Protein backbone atom coordinates (compact mmCIF):
# COMPACT_ATOMS: atom_id res chain seq x y z
CA MET A 1 125.60 86.73 113.65
CA THR A 2 123.22 85.60 111.81
CA ARG A 3 120.92 86.72 114.07
CA ASN A 4 121.90 90.21 114.00
CA ALA A 5 121.88 90.00 110.12
CA THR A 6 118.49 88.60 110.23
CA LEU A 7 117.39 91.59 112.35
CA ALA A 8 119.10 93.95 110.38
CA SER A 9 117.34 92.70 107.32
CA ILE A 10 113.84 92.85 108.60
CA LEU A 11 114.62 96.30 109.81
CA ALA A 12 115.89 97.24 106.46
CA GLY A 13 113.32 95.90 104.33
CA THR A 14 110.76 97.88 106.65
CA THR A 15 112.40 101.02 106.45
CA ALA A 16 113.04 100.64 102.31
CA LEU A 17 109.36 99.91 102.16
CA VAL A 18 107.73 102.60 104.64
CA ILE A 19 109.97 105.21 103.38
CA GLY A 20 108.85 104.45 99.63
CA LEU A 21 105.23 104.65 100.92
CA ALA A 22 105.54 107.41 102.79
CA ILE A 23 107.07 109.48 99.93
CA GLN A 24 103.69 108.70 97.91
CA GLU A 25 101.88 109.93 100.68
CA TYR A 26 100.53 106.70 101.33
CA ILE A 27 100.37 106.84 105.20
CA ILE A 28 98.35 104.31 106.75
CA PRO A 29 99.90 101.47 104.13
CA ALA A 30 103.14 102.77 105.43
CA ILE A 31 101.84 103.05 108.73
CA GLY A 32 100.77 99.20 108.20
CA THR A 33 103.97 97.66 106.79
CA GLY A 34 105.90 98.93 110.14
CA ALA A 35 103.71 97.33 112.13
CA LEU A 36 103.88 94.07 110.08
CA GLY A 37 107.81 94.79 110.18
CA LEU A 38 107.48 94.84 114.50
CA VAL A 39 105.22 91.66 114.44
CA TRP A 40 108.01 90.04 112.05
CA VAL A 41 110.67 91.30 114.54
CA THR A 42 108.75 90.13 117.69
CA ALA A 43 108.03 87.17 116.01
CA TYR A 44 111.78 86.16 115.46
CA ASN A 45 112.80 87.67 118.54
CA CYS A 46 110.04 84.76 120.69
CA LYS A 47 111.74 82.03 118.28
CA ILE A 48 108.11 81.60 116.19
CA PHE A 49 110.17 80.88 112.85
CA ARG A 50 107.12 80.11 110.49
CA ALA A 51 105.87 83.82 110.37
CA ALA A 52 109.04 84.18 108.37
CA ALA A 53 107.49 83.09 105.32
CA PRO A 54 104.04 84.46 105.43
CA ALA A 55 105.64 87.89 106.65
CA PHE A 56 108.31 87.41 103.46
CA ALA A 57 105.30 86.68 101.31
CA LEU A 58 103.37 89.96 102.66
CA PHE A 59 106.13 92.57 101.89
CA VAL A 60 106.51 90.67 98.15
CA PHE A 61 102.93 91.71 97.82
CA ILE A 62 102.54 95.35 99.47
CA SER A 63 106.15 95.77 97.44
CA ALA A 64 104.03 94.74 93.85
CA ALA A 65 101.19 96.94 95.22
CA GLY A 66 103.33 99.70 95.74
CA ILE A 67 105.04 99.57 92.44
CA TRP A 68 101.80 99.72 91.01
CA GLY A 69 100.94 102.73 93.10
CA SER A 70 103.98 104.46 92.20
CA VAL A 71 106.26 104.10 94.82
CA SER A 72 110.38 103.69 94.15
CA ALA A 73 110.78 100.78 92.37
CA TRP A 74 114.06 100.71 93.75
CA LEU A 75 112.92 100.92 97.69
CA ALA A 76 110.66 98.35 96.48
CA LEU A 77 113.24 96.08 95.47
CA ALA A 78 115.12 96.81 98.45
CA CYS A 79 112.67 95.58 100.52
CA VAL A 80 112.19 92.25 98.32
CA ILE A 81 115.84 91.24 98.53
CA PHE A 82 116.13 92.47 102.39
CA SER A 83 112.98 90.13 102.94
CA LEU A 84 114.56 87.50 101.28
CA ILE A 85 117.42 87.67 103.27
CA ALA A 86 115.54 87.85 106.46
CA TRP A 87 113.47 84.62 105.24
CA ASP A 88 116.64 82.58 104.15
CA LEU A 89 118.43 83.48 107.22
CA THR A 90 115.08 82.58 109.61
CA VAL A 91 115.40 78.92 107.52
CA PHE A 92 119.06 78.72 108.10
CA ILE A 93 118.99 79.82 111.73
CA GLN A 94 116.10 76.85 112.34
CA GLN A 95 118.83 74.33 110.80
CA LEU A 96 121.90 75.26 112.48
CA GLN A 97 119.82 74.49 115.72
CA LEU A 98 120.48 70.97 114.81
CA THR A 99 124.25 71.60 114.33
CA ASN A 100 126.13 71.14 118.22
CA GLU A 101 129.28 71.96 117.64
CA ILE A 102 130.79 75.87 117.27
CA SER A 103 133.28 75.63 114.73
CA ASP A 104 130.74 73.81 112.61
CA ARG A 105 128.63 76.15 113.02
CA LYS A 106 130.37 79.37 112.28
CA LYS A 107 131.91 77.60 108.89
CA LEU A 108 127.96 76.63 107.84
CA GLU A 109 127.53 80.31 109.13
CA ARG A 110 130.31 81.45 106.76
CA THR A 111 129.24 79.29 103.56
CA HIS A 112 126.04 80.45 103.94
CA PHE A 113 126.43 83.69 103.55
CA ILE A 114 128.71 83.55 100.90
CA GLN A 115 125.99 81.44 98.47
CA LEU A 116 123.29 84.24 99.86
CA ALA A 117 125.89 87.07 99.29
CA LEU A 118 126.46 85.21 95.71
CA VAL A 119 122.70 84.68 94.59
CA ILE A 120 121.50 88.04 95.75
CA GLY A 121 124.86 89.65 93.49
CA ILE A 122 123.71 87.50 90.48
CA SER A 123 120.03 88.86 90.77
CA LEU A 124 120.79 91.96 91.26
CA LEU A 125 123.16 92.42 88.39
CA GLY A 126 120.08 90.73 86.12
CA VAL A 127 117.81 93.65 87.11
CA PHE A 128 120.96 96.06 86.60
CA SER A 129 121.28 94.88 82.91
CA GLY A 130 117.67 94.50 83.06
CA THR A 131 117.28 98.29 83.58
CA LEU A 132 119.93 99.08 80.73
CA ILE A 133 119.37 96.39 78.36
CA ARG A 134 116.30 96.61 75.87
CA LEU A 135 115.68 93.57 73.69
CA ASN A 136 112.79 93.08 71.89
CA LEU A 137 111.32 89.58 72.68
CA THR A 138 108.89 87.32 71.49
CA PHE A 139 106.93 85.48 74.26
CA GLY A 140 108.77 82.24 73.46
CA GLY A 141 112.13 84.42 73.73
CA ALA A 142 111.28 85.42 76.97
CA ALA A 143 109.82 82.34 78.13
CA LEU A 144 113.19 80.52 76.67
CA LEU A 145 115.22 83.28 78.54
CA ALA A 146 113.91 82.88 82.14
CA MET A 147 113.60 79.02 81.80
CA LEU A 148 117.67 79.32 81.29
CA GLY A 149 118.34 82.02 83.89
CA ILE A 150 116.09 79.78 86.33
CA TRP A 151 117.95 76.74 84.99
CA GLY A 152 120.86 78.63 85.48
CA ILE A 153 120.49 79.74 89.12
CA SER A 154 119.24 76.35 90.21
CA ALA A 155 122.52 74.72 88.69
CA LEU A 156 124.62 77.40 90.72
CA VAL A 157 122.57 76.81 94.00
CA TYR A 158 122.81 73.04 93.22
CA ARG A 159 127.03 72.89 92.82
CA LEU A 160 127.31 75.74 95.73
CA ARG A 161 124.64 72.73 98.16
CA ARG A 162 127.09 69.70 96.77
CA HIS A 163 130.23 71.84 97.59
CA GLU A 164 128.90 73.10 101.11
CA ASP A 165 128.27 68.90 101.88
CA GLU A 166 131.78 68.18 100.72
CA VAL A 167 133.03 70.08 103.15
CA ASP A 168 131.02 68.86 105.72
CA SER A 169 132.19 65.61 105.20
């Protein structure tokens, strides 16, 4: 299940960014991005898991540069989210390889998918609310709000991990 979700995330993120680049007629970067996605899929299939972090970073960089070049922000956001999911699941697969029992493995997968969905959902809610709500903040207010958001997500992840540890024991 995790393997298929990882491959689907890589392909979906690559496709979103390639479409966004192609719409703006950035043909060479679109082909390069498609090739990068294929390299990531190949590395993943060959179990070269350490390629996930640089691939994720490159997709984020290309998405940011694409937004600067008038690529649809929604397609770039989709690429970043799917790349984040693929990177996270790749790291999770490395951790799953240490698990011997199938029942434990399925329980860990289910718990991890719930956590991942919660974090992605909260992030999307933040993005959507950011596009709808306009506030005039000073730099200090914006920094305080960002720190509160980081603290809140960190606390949520900490509690979810603690809950996962309680379920495991």
